[in-house]
Amino acid sequence: MFAFIVVLIFILFFVLIMVVKDEKLLLKIAKVFLIIVLGGLVVAGSLAILTGIYETLHGESDTKQLFIQMGAGIIFIAGGGFPLYLFFISREVAIKRLERRKKKYPDAPWMWVDQWSTKSIVYSGKGQISFGWFVLMVMTGGLAAVSYMNREKILSKVEESALEVIAFYSIFCFILFIGFYAVVSLLRGYLKFGKSIFEMTSYPGIIGGELTGTIQTQMKNIPEMQ
């Protein structure tokens, strides 16, 4: 039953993405979906740890099983809690800091962002790539750990309703495939272009004014300007 609920949530999400055209509404749907999925990982990790402790104290499992469940629980909590912090706490803090700077420097937009005030703008996809690999490794490791801990229950479930188990793992593997494809694409771009640094020679950067500077790039083959 749980597997079907998970499958239905993902199907509903993909249907809404294809049907809804309003960008603001799509953003809200994506946020709700992230909260459900990432929050579900945190809850699942917490339950795994508490269940392991409870079963060990009541003699239903051994110490080895407890460590496995605690490890899986920590992986799930990290995999869900870290992205939740970045998307819904750290991001909100950055937005509020930007709003405060706009009020403090209403006529100086170059003071709103740190990169502008330091006369240097750095772009690198390394952070996104590292974060993507972290999430994917957590999801893959968590799935493997949970499958190992519940292998007997899963095998018995296959005998009762193989379709439900296959559907759950198919959805999860499909999500992992999309994630790995996206991260590998980002990694290829990073290996090709590397990190770029734009150092401004005209300061401040006034909107509508002239902006000049020097771009430092790690590209091996720089295209010629026409």
C-alpha atoms as a PDB file:
ATOM      1  CA  MET A   1       0.000   0.000   0.000  1.00  0.00           C
ATOM      2  CA  PHE A   2       2.824   2.405   0.870  1.00  0.00           C
ATOM      3  CA  ALA A   3       4.514   1.759  -2.474  1.00  0.00           C
ATOM      4  CA  PHE A   4       1.315   2.589  -4.359  1.00  0.00           C
ATOM      5  CA  ILE A   5       0.947   5.843  -2.394  1.00  0.00           C
ATOM      6  CA  VAL A   6       4.507   6.840  -3.332  1.00  0.00           C
ATOM      7  CA  VAL A   7       3.893   5.954  -6.975  1.00  0.00           C
ATOM      8  CA  LEU A   8       0.641   7.949  -7.031  1.00  0.00           C
ATOM      9  CA  ILE A   9       2.370  11.016  -5.542  1.00  0.00           C
ATOM     10  CA  PHE A  10       5.035  10.975  -8.242  1.00  0.00           C
ATOM     11  CA  ILE A  11       2.498  10.367 -11.021  1.00  0.00           C
ATOM     12  CA  LEU A  12       0.376  13.261  -9.743  1.00  0.00           C
ATOM     13  CA  PHE A  13       3.435  15.511  -9.632  1.00  0.00           C
ATOM     14  CA  PHE A  14       4.473  14.730 -13.217  1.00  0.00           C
ATOM     15  CA  VAL A  15       0.888  15.165 -14.452  1.00  0.00           C
ATOM     16  CA  LEU A  16       0.634  18.557 -12.761  1.00  0.00           C
ATOM     17  CA  ILE A  17       3.933  19.641 -14.316  1.00  0.00           C
ATOM     18  CA  MET A  18       2.630  18.820 -17.793  1.00  0.00           C
ATOM     19  CA  VAL A  19      -0.827  20.318 -17.270  1.00  0.00           C
ATOM     20  CA  VAL A  20      -0.188  23.480 -15.256  1.00  0.00           C
ATOM     21  CA  LYS A  21       1.144  26.402 -17.330  1.00  0.00           C
ATOM     22  CA  ASP A  22       1.319  29.097 -14.668  1.00  0.00           C
ATOM     23  CA  GLU A  23       4.973  29.416 -13.563  1.00  0.00           C
ATOM     24  CA  LYS A  24       4.119  30.698 -10.080  1.00  0.00           C
ATOM     25  CA  LEU A  25       1.719  27.805  -9.492  1.00  0.00           C
ATOM     26  CA  LEU A  26       4.322  25.342 -10.802  1.00  0.00           C
ATOM     27  CA  LEU A  27       6.848  26.758  -8.353  1.00  0.00           C
ATOM     28  CA  LYS A  28       4.407  26.268  -5.470  1.00  0.00           C
ATOM     29  CA  ILE A  29       3.698  22.690  -6.594  1.00  0.00           C
ATOM     30  CA  ALA A  30       7.430  21.962  -6.786  1.00  0.00           C
ATOM     31  CA  LYS A  31       7.946  23.364  -3.276  1.00  0.00           C
ATOM     32  CA  VAL A  32       5.126  21.237  -1.842  1.00  0.00           C
ATOM     33  CA  PHE A  33       6.497  18.164  -3.607  1.00  0.00           C
ATOM     34  CA  LEU A  34      10.003  18.825  -2.259  1.00  0.00           C
ATOM     35  CA  ILE A  35       8.676  19.276   1.262  1.00  0.00           C
ATOM     36  CA  ILE A  36       6.732  15.990   1.037  1.00  0.00           C
ATOM     37  CA  VAL A  37       9.654  14.000  -0.400  1.00  0.00           C
ATOM     38  CA  LEU A  38      12.474  15.508   1.661  1.00  0.00           C
ATOM     39  CA  GLY A  39      10.370  15.647   4.811  1.00  0.00           C
ATOM     40  CA  GLY A  40       9.409  12.028   4.196  1.00  0.00           C
ATOM     41  CA  LEU A  41      13.106  11.097   4.121  1.00  0.00           C
ATOM     42  CA  VAL A  42      13.674  12.815   7.473  1.00  0.00           C
ATOM     43  CA  VAL A  43      10.643  11.075   9.009  1.00  0.00           C
ATOM     44  CA  ALA A  44      11.677   7.703   7.557  1.00  0.00           C
ATOM     45  CA  GLY A  45      15.213   8.113   8.910  1.00  0.00           C
ATOM     46  CA  SER A  46      13.958   9.056  12.355  1.00  0.00           C
ATOM     47  CA  LEU A  47      11.557   6.106  12.420  1.00  0.00           C
ATOM     48  CA  ALA A  48      14.342   3.744  11.333  1.00  0.00           C
ATOM     49  CA  ILE A  49      16.538   4.853  14.248  1.00  0.00           C
ATOM     50  CA  LEU A  50      13.719   4.744  16.798  1.00  0.00           C
ATOM     51  CA  THR A  51      12.532   1.347  15.536  1.00  0.00           C
ATOM     52  CA  GLY A  52      16.060  -0.056  15.741  1.00  0.00           C
ATOM     53  CA  ILE A  53      16.477   1.168  19.313  1.00  0.00           C
ATOM     54  CA  TYR A  54      13.048  -0.153  20.340  1.00  0.00           C
ATOM     55  CA  GLU A  55      13.591  -3.592  18.791  1.00  0.00           C
ATOM     56  CA  THR A  56      17.074  -3.896  20.336  1.00  0.00           C
ATOM     57  CA  LEU A  57      15.855  -2.965  23.818  1.00  0.00           C
ATOM     58  CA  HIS A  58      13.049  -5.539  23.558  1.00  0.00           C
ATOM     59  CA  GLY A  59      15.341  -8.274  22.252  1.00  0.00           C
ATOM     60  CA  GLU A  60      13.748  -8.404  18.799  1.00  0.00           C
ATOM     61  CA  SER A  61      17.001  -7.602  16.949  1.00  0.00           C
ATOM     62  CA  ASP A  62      20.737  -7.694  17.602  1.00  0.00           C
ATOM     63  CA  THR A  63      23.342  -4.925  17.820  1.00  0.00           C
ATOM     64  CA  LYS A  64      24.416  -5.388  14.194  1.00  0.00           C
ATOM     65  CA  GLN A  65      20.883  -4.745  12.982  1.00  0.00           C
ATOM     66  CA  LEU A  66      20.703  -1.671  15.238  1.00  0.00           C
ATOM     67  CA  PHE A  67      23.866  -0.160  13.687  1.00  0.00           C
ATOM     68  CA  ILE A  68      22.547  -0.855  10.194  1.00  0.00           C
ATOM     69  CA  GLN A  69      19.240   0.827  10.941  1.00  0.00           C
ATOM     70  CA  MET A  70      20.922   3.772  12.639  1.00  0.00           C
ATOM     71  CA  GLY A  71      23.262   4.198   9.675  1.00  0.00           C
ATOM     72  CA  ALA A  72      20.369   4.085   7.230  1.00  0.00           C
ATOM     73  CA  GLY A  73      18.409   6.498   9.399  1.00  0.00           C
ATOM     74  CA  ILE A  74      21.271   9.001   9.495  1.00  0.00           C
ATOM     75  CA  ILE A  75      21.644   8.738   5.715  1.00  0.00           C
ATOM     76  CA  PHE A  76      17.939   9.424   5.187  1.00  0.00           C
ATOM     77  CA  ILE A  77      17.892  12.325   7.665  1.00  0.00           C
ATOM     78  CA  ALA A  78      20.948  13.890   6.009  1.00  0.00           C
ATOM     79  CA  GLY A  79      19.534  13.328   2.526  1.00  0.00           C
ATOM     80  CA  GLY A  80      16.277  15.029   3.418  1.00  0.00           C
ATOM     81  CA  GLY A  81      17.342  17.565   6.029  1.00  0.00           C
ATOM     82  CA  PHE A  82      20.304  19.093   4.190  1.00  0.00           C
ATOM     83  CA  PRO A  83      18.340  20.012   1.022  1.00  0.00           C
ATOM     84  CA  LEU A  84      15.449  21.261   3.174  1.00  0.00           C
ATOM     85  CA  TYR A  85      17.872  23.569   4.977  1.00  0.00           C
ATOM     86  CA  LEU A  86      19.361  24.869   1.731  1.00  0.00           C
ATOM     87  CA  PHE A  87      16.071  25.405  -0.097  1.00  0.00           C
ATOM     88  CA  PHE A  88      13.796  26.619   2.677  1.00  0.00           C
ATOM     89  CA  ILE A  89      16.048  28.110   5.385  1.00  0.00           C
ATOM     90  CA  SER A  90      19.349  29.250   3.883  1.00  0.00           C
ATOM     91  CA  ARG A  91      17.616  30.581   0.757  1.00  0.00           C
ATOM     92  CA  GLU A  92      15.071  32.543   2.785  1.00  0.00           C
ATOM     93  CA  VAL A  93      17.873  34.047   4.875  1.00  0.00           C
ATOM     94  CA  ALA A  94      19.667  35.147   1.684  1.00  0.00           C
ATOM     95  CA  ILE A  95      16.460  36.709   0.298  1.00  0.00           C
ATOM     96  CA  LYS A  96      15.852  38.656   3.521  1.00  0.00           C
ATOM     97  CA  ARG A  97      19.475  39.851   3.536  1.00  0.00           C
ATOM     98  CA  LEU A  98      19.052  41.073  -0.045  1.00  0.00           C
ATOM     99  CA  GLU A  99      15.855  42.937   0.870  1.00  0.00           C
ATOM    100  CA  ARG A 100      17.630  44.639   3.789  1.00  0.00           C
ATOM    101  CA  ARG A 101      20.448  45.761   1.506  1.00  0.00           C
ATOM    102  CA  LYS A 102      17.966  47.125  -1.022  1.00  0.00           C
ATOM    103  CA  LYS A 103      16.408  49.254   1.706  1.00  0.00           C
ATOM    104  CA  LYS A 104      19.800  50.364   3.021  1.00  0.00           C
ATOM    105  CA  TYR A 105      21.232  51.194  -0.420  1.00  0.00           C
ATOM    106  CA  PRO A 106      18.185  52.064  -2.579  1.00  0.00           C
ATOM    107  CA  ASP A 107      20.260  54.039  -5.090  1.00  0.00           C
ATOM    108  CA  ALA A 108      23.299  51.748  -5.136  1.00  0.00           C
ATOM    109  CA  PRO A 109      22.331  48.355  -6.629  1.00  0.00           C
ATOM    110  CA  TRP A 110      25.995  47.369  -6.800  1.00  0.00           C
ATOM    111  CA  MET A 111      25.906  47.072  -3.011  1.00  0.00           C
ATOM    112  CA  TRP A 112      23.060  44.575  -2.986  1.00  0.00           C
ATOM    113  CA  VAL A 113      25.171  41.545  -3.909  1.00  0.00           C
ATOM    114  CA  ASP A 114      28.558  40.619  -2.447  1.00  0.00           C
ATOM    115  CA  GLN A 115      30.066  39.852  -5.857  1.00  0.00           C
ATOM    116  CA  TRP A 116      29.329  43.353  -7.122  1.00  0.00           C
ATOM    117  CA  SER A 117      30.732  45.055  -4.047  1.00  0.00           C
ATOM    118  CA  THR A 118      34.002  43.068  -4.317  1.00  0.00           C
ATOM    119  CA  LYS A 119      34.291  43.881  -8.058  1.00  0.00           C
ATOM    120  CA  SER A 120      34.608  40.179  -8.860  1.00  0.00           C
ATOM    121  CA  ILE A 121      31.960  37.701 -10.010  1.00  0.00           C
ATOM    122  CA  VAL A 122      32.825  34.010  -9.895  1.00  0.00           C
ATOM    123  CA  TYR A 123      30.787  31.329 -11.632  1.00  0.00           C
ATOM    124  CA  SER A 124      31.375  27.654 -11.041  1.00  0.00           C
ATOM    125  CA  GLY A 125      28.999  24.709 -11.171  1.00  0.00           C
ATOM    126  CA  LYS A 126      31.147  22.754  -8.707  1.00  0.00           C
ATOM    127  CA  GLY A 127      28.787  23.402  -5.792  1.00  0.00           C
ATOM    128  CA  GLN A 128      25.732  22.196  -7.691  1.00  0.00           C
ATOM    129  CA  ILE A 129      27.589  19.112  -8.902  1.00  0.00           C
ATOM    130  CA  SER A 130      28.831  18.224  -5.404  1.00  0.00           C
ATOM    131  CA  PHE A 131      25.369  18.726  -3.954  1.00  0.00           C
ATOM    132  CA  GLY A 132      23.815  16.587  -6.698  1.00  0.00           C
ATOM    133  CA  TRP A 133      26.249  13.716  -6.119  1.00  0.00           C
ATOM    134  CA  PHE A 134      25.670  13.960  -2.366  1.00  0.00           C
ATOM    135  CA  VAL A 135      21.888  13.666  -2.722  1.00  0.00           C
ATOM    136  CA  LEU A 136      22.142  10.826  -5.239  1.00  0.00           C
ATOM    137  CA  MET A 137      24.601   8.864  -3.100  1.00  0.00           C
ATOM    138  CA  VAL A 138      22.357   9.337  -0.068  1.00  0.00           C
ATOM    139  CA  MET A 139      19.284   8.148  -1.968  1.00  0.00           C
ATOM    140  CA  THR A 140      21.111   5.167  -3.485  1.00  0.00           C
ATOM    141  CA  GLY A 141      22.755   4.204  -0.192  1.00  0.00           C
ATOM    142  CA  GLY A 142      19.503   4.643   1.700  1.00  0.00           C
ATOM    143  CA  LEU A 143      17.583   2.478  -0.762  1.00  0.00           C
ATOM    144  CA  ALA A 144      20.274  -0.219  -0.585  1.00  0.00           C
ATOM    145  CA  ALA A 145      20.352  -0.127   3.230  1.00  0.00           C
ATOM    146  CA  VAL A 146      16.568  -0.268   3.594  1.00  0.00           C
ATOM    147  CA  SER A 147      16.347  -3.076   1.044  1.00  0.00           C
ATOM    148  CA  TYR A 148      18.992  -5.045   2.925  1.00  0.00           C
ATOM    149  CA  MET A 149      17.321  -4.527   6.311  1.00  0.00           C
ATOM    150  CA  ASN A 150      13.920  -5.545   4.990  1.00  0.00           C
ATOM    151  CA  ARG A 151      15.003  -8.186   2.483  1.00  0.00           C
ATOM    152  CA  GLU A 152      12.853 -10.896   4.079  1.00  0.00           C
ATOM    153  CA  LYS A 153       9.772  -8.658   4.127  1.00  0.00           C
ATOM    154  CA  ILE A 154      10.415  -7.579   0.534  1.00  0.00           C
ATOM    155  CA  LEU A 155      10.736 -11.186  -0.674  1.00  0.00           C
ATOM    156  CA  SER A 156       7.513 -12.136   1.079  1.00  0.00           C
ATOM    157  CA  LYS A 157       5.834  -9.067  -0.409  1.00  0.00           C
ATOM    158  CA  VAL A 158       6.978 -10.119  -3.881  1.00  0.00           C
ATOM    159  CA  GLU A 159       5.184 -13.428  -3.416  1.00  0.00           C
ATOM    160  CA  GLU A 160       1.987 -11.612  -2.398  1.00  0.00           C
ATOM    161  CA  SER A 161       2.024  -8.692  -4.840  1.00  0.00           C
ATOM    162  CA  ALA A 162       5.039  -8.485  -7.117  1.00  0.00           C
ATOM    163  CA  LEU A 163       3.516  -5.582  -9.073  1.00  0.00           C
ATOM    164  CA  GLU A 164       3.557  -3.264  -6.051  1.00  0.00           C
ATOM    165  CA  VAL A 165       7.236  -3.921  -5.322  1.00  0.00           C
ATOM    166  CA  ILE A 166       8.215  -3.609  -8.990  1.00  0.00           C
ATOM    167  CA  ALA A 167       6.289  -0.334  -9.326  1.00  0.00           C
ATOM    168  CA  PHE A 168       7.979   1.177  -6.268  1.00  0.00           C
ATOM    169  CA  TYR A 169      11.510   0.235  -7.323  1.00  0.00           C
ATOM    170  CA  SER A 170      10.835   1.255 -10.939  1.00  0.00           C
ATOM    171  CA  ILE A 171       9.781   4.758  -9.863  1.00  0.00           C
ATOM    172  CA  PHE A 172      12.755   5.106  -7.536  1.00  0.00           C
ATOM    173  CA  CYS A 173      15.216   3.873 -10.166  1.00  0.00           C
ATOM    174  CA  PHE A 174      13.667   6.202 -12.756  1.00  0.00           C
ATOM    175  CA  ILE A 175      14.193   9.177 -10.429  1.00  0.00           C
ATOM    176  CA  LEU A 176      17.795   8.095  -9.793  1.00  0.00           C
ATOM    177  CA  PHE A 177      18.378   7.752 -13.545  1.00  0.00           C
ATOM    178  CA  ILE A 178      17.137  11.301 -14.187  1.00  0.00           C
ATOM    179  CA  GLY A 179      19.252  12.587 -11.297  1.00  0.00           C
ATOM    180  CA  PHE A 180      22.431  10.860 -12.482  1.00  0.00           C
ATOM    181  CA  TYR A 181      21.833  12.054 -16.048  1.00  0.00           C
ATOM    182  CA  ALA A 182      21.429  15.666 -14.865  1.00  0.00           C
ATOM    183  CA  VAL A 183      24.522  15.556 -12.634  1.00  0.00           C
ATOM    184  CA  VAL A 184      26.667  13.936 -15.333  1.00  0.00           C
ATOM    185  CA  SER A 185      25.545  16.646 -17.788  1.00  0.00           C
ATOM    186  CA  LEU A 186      26.563  19.331 -15.278  1.00  0.00           C
ATOM    187  CA  LEU A 187      29.886  17.565 -14.705  1.00  0.00           C
ATOM    188  CA  ARG A 188      30.612  17.453 -18.451  1.00  0.00           C
ATOM    189  CA  GLY A 189      29.908  21.175 -18.678  1.00  0.00           C
ATOM    190  CA  TYR A 190      32.185  21.901 -15.725  1.00  0.00           C
ATOM    191  CA  LEU A 191      35.028  19.808 -17.184  1.00  0.00           C
ATOM    192  CA  LYS A 192      34.644  21.642 -20.490  1.00  0.00           C
ATOM    193  CA  PHE A 193      34.294  25.233 -19.248  1.00  0.00           C
ATOM    194  CA  GLY A 194      35.703  25.116 -15.711  1.00  0.00           C
ATOM    195  CA  LYS A 195      35.430  28.142 -13.421  1.00  0.00           C
ATOM    196  CA  SER A 196      34.994  31.641 -14.821  1.00  0.00           C
ATOM    197  CA  ILE A 197      35.856  34.894 -13.041  1.00  0.00           C
ATOM    198  CA  PHE A 198      34.696  38.311 -14.219  1.00  0.00           C
ATOM    199  CA  GLU A 199      36.758  41.154 -12.775  1.00  0.00           C
ATOM    200  CA  MET A 200      35.136  44.552 -13.253  1.00  0.00           C
ATOM    201  CA  THR A 201      37.242  47.489 -14.374  1.00  0.00           C
ATOM    202  CA  SER A 202      34.277  49.878 -14.454  1.00  0.00           C
ATOM    203  CA  TYR A 203      32.860  50.488 -11.006  1.00  0.00           C
ATOM    204  CA  PRO A 204      30.194  50.845  -9.801  1.00  0.00           C
ATOM    205  CA  GLY A 205      28.018  48.793 -12.127  1.00  0.00           C
ATOM    206  CA  ILE A 206      25.159  51.168 -12.747  1.00  0.00           C
ATOM    207  CA  ILE A 207      22.066  49.741 -14.439  1.00  0.00           C
ATOM    208  CA  GLY A 208      21.928  51.130 -17.961  1.00  0.00           C
ATOM    209  CA  GLY A 209      25.561  52.241 -17.805  1.00  0.00           C
ATOM    210  CA  GLU A 210      28.717  50.811 -19.314  1.00  0.00           C
ATOM    211  CA  LEU A 211      30.151  47.615 -17.847  1.00  0.00           C
ATOM    212  CA  THR A 212      33.691  46.572 -18.679  1.00  0.00           C
ATOM    213  CA  GLY A 213      36.037  44.020 -17.250  1.00  0.00           C
ATOM    214  CA  THR A 214      38.235  40.981 -17.786  1.00  0.00           C
ATOM    215  CA  ILE A 215      37.024  37.388 -17.934  1.00  0.00           C
ATOM    216  CA  GLN A 216      39.340  34.652 -16.679  1.00  0.00           C
ATOM    217  CA  THR A 217      38.300  31.219 -17.877  1.00  0.00           C
ATOM    218  CA  GLN A 218      39.681  27.688 -17.815  1.00  0.00           C
ATOM    219  CA  MET A 219      38.390  26.872 -21.308  1.00  0.00           C
ATOM    220  CA  LYS A 220      41.029  25.255 -23.490  1.00  0.00           C
ATOM    221  CA  ASN A 221      39.523  26.428 -26.782  1.00  0.00           C
ATOM    222  CA  ILE A 222      38.173  29.962 -26.507  1.00  0.00           C
ATOM    223  CA  PRO A 223      35.877  30.890 -29.427  1.00  0.00           C
ATOM    224  CA  GLU A 224      36.855  33.935 -31.450  1.00  0.00           C
ATOM    225  CA  MET A 225      34.685  37.038 -31.182  1.00  0.00           C
ATOM    226  CA  GLN A 226      32.927  38.048 -34.393  1.00  0.00           C
END
